[in-house]
Structure formats: structure tokens, C-alpha cells
């Protein structure tokens, strides 16, 4: 739980490879807002920035649950991070 005692809010990052980038859709946001990242390790920070910008939520409260789609990862990988 964040230091301010507020409960975390979880958002889903649906990640799909597109050339050298990962396309990321966040279905909980209006119109399933999308962003991109070069590496999967960048997804959490990228999604937290997008969610904070779109909702005004403190990034410290945002948890990201990754769903990796496509090729070898399809349906086989889901991770969660704070």
C-alpha cells in the first residue's frame, strides 16, 4: 500500500509487439487509450504516466498488470507490479 494509506488502483497493460516497439493498450481508460514502449521493462512506468495524465491518479497508487499478446507470449504471461 502506498505511503499515504490510499488503496492502490490496478490497470491492465495489454502489450503486443509491433516491430521494435511494444504497443500498449489500457482497456480501463476511455476509448482504451494506448501508448508504446521499447522494452517490456519500460511498460510499468509508461502506463503509470499515461494513467496519471488521463485520470489525475497519483502514480504511487497505480499498479500495472501486464498481459502479453502475440507469438510466443500469447496468453502465457501476466505480471503485476506496483
Protein backbone atom coordinates (compact mmCIF):
# COMPACT_ATOMS: atom_id res chain seq x y z
CA UNK A 1 0.00 0.00 0.00
CA UNK A 2 1.34 3.46 -0.83
CA UNK A 3 2.74 5.55 1.99
CA UNK A 4 -0.31 7.83 2.03
CA UNK A 5 -2.50 4.89 3.09
CA UNK A 6 -4.65 5.08 -0.05
CA UNK A 7 -5.50 1.75 -1.67
CA UNK A 8 -3.71 1.01 -4.94
CA UNK A 9 -5.61 1.11 -8.22
CA UNK A 10 -4.86 -1.62 -10.78
CA UNK A 11 -4.80 -1.04 -14.52
CA UNK A 12 -4.20 -3.61 -17.25
CA UNK A 13 -1.46 -3.11 -19.83
CA UNK A 14 -2.22 -5.23 -22.89
CA UNK A 15 1.14 -5.45 -24.66
CA UNK A 16 1.68 -6.55 -28.25
CA UNK A 17 4.91 -6.43 -30.22
CA UNK A 18 4.93 -4.04 -33.18
CA UNK A 19 8.35 -4.02 -34.81
CA UNK A 20 10.90 -2.55 -32.41
CA UNK A 21 8.18 -1.30 -30.05
CA UNK A 22 5.57 -2.71 -27.68
CA UNK A 23 2.10 -1.30 -28.33
CA UNK A 24 0.24 -0.97 -25.02
CA UNK A 25 -3.50 -0.61 -24.63
CA UNK A 26 -5.07 0.22 -21.27
CA UNK A 27 -8.68 -1.01 -21.53
CA UNK A 28 -9.80 0.62 -18.26
CA UNK A 29 -9.20 4.07 -19.73
CA UNK A 30 -11.75 5.80 -22.01
CA UNK A 31 -11.51 4.52 -25.58
CA UNK A 32 -8.86 2.00 -24.43
CA UNK A 33 -6.09 4.58 -24.55
CA UNK A 34 -2.81 3.37 -25.99
CA UNK A 35 0.88 4.14 -25.61
CA UNK A 36 4.14 2.43 -26.52
CA UNK A 37 7.45 1.34 -25.03
CA UNK A 38 10.70 0.00 -26.44
CA UNK A 39 11.17 -2.64 -23.73
CA UNK A 40 8.79 -4.59 -21.54
CA UNK A 41 10.72 -3.29 -18.54
CA UNK A 42 9.52 0.22 -19.51
CA UNK A 43 5.83 -0.70 -19.60
CA UNK A 44 5.05 -0.06 -15.92
CA UNK A 45 6.45 3.48 -15.90
CA UNK A 46 4.87 4.29 -19.27
CA UNK A 47 1.42 3.08 -18.19
CA UNK A 48 1.64 4.84 -14.83
CA UNK A 49 2.43 8.11 -16.64
CA UNK A 50 -0.50 7.63 -19.04
CA UNK A 51 -2.96 6.75 -16.27
CA UNK A 52 -1.82 9.65 -14.09
CA UNK A 53 -2.20 12.06 -17.02
CA UNK A 54 -5.65 10.76 -18.00
CA UNK A 55 -7.15 10.32 -14.52
CA UNK A 56 -5.18 12.54 -12.14
CA UNK A 57 -4.32 9.49 -10.01
CA UNK A 58 -1.07 9.66 -8.04
CA UNK A 59 1.40 7.35 -9.86
CA UNK A 60 2.41 5.89 -6.47
CA UNK A 61 -1.12 4.41 -6.18
CA UNK A 62 -1.10 2.81 -9.64
CA UNK A 63 -0.40 -0.90 -10.08
CA UNK A 64 0.11 -2.33 -13.55
CA UNK A 65 -0.93 -5.83 -14.58
CA UNK A 66 0.74 -6.79 -17.87
CA UNK A 67 -0.90 -9.06 -20.42
CA UNK A 68 1.49 -10.03 -23.18
CA UNK A 69 -0.07 -10.92 -26.53
CA UNK A 70 1.38 -12.29 -29.72
CA UNK A 71 3.70 -15.06 -30.85
CA UNK A 72 5.50 -16.92 -28.07
CA UNK A 73 3.89 -14.87 -25.29
CA UNK A 74 0.23 -15.21 -26.29
CA UNK A 75 -1.86 -15.76 -23.17
CA UNK A 76 1.05 -17.26 -21.32
CA UNK A 77 2.36 -14.25 -19.46
CA UNK A 78 0.73 -11.96 -16.96
CA UNK A 79 2.65 -9.97 -14.38
CA UNK A 80 1.70 -7.44 -11.79
CA UNK A 81 3.81 -4.68 -10.31
CA UNK A 82 3.31 -1.73 -8.04
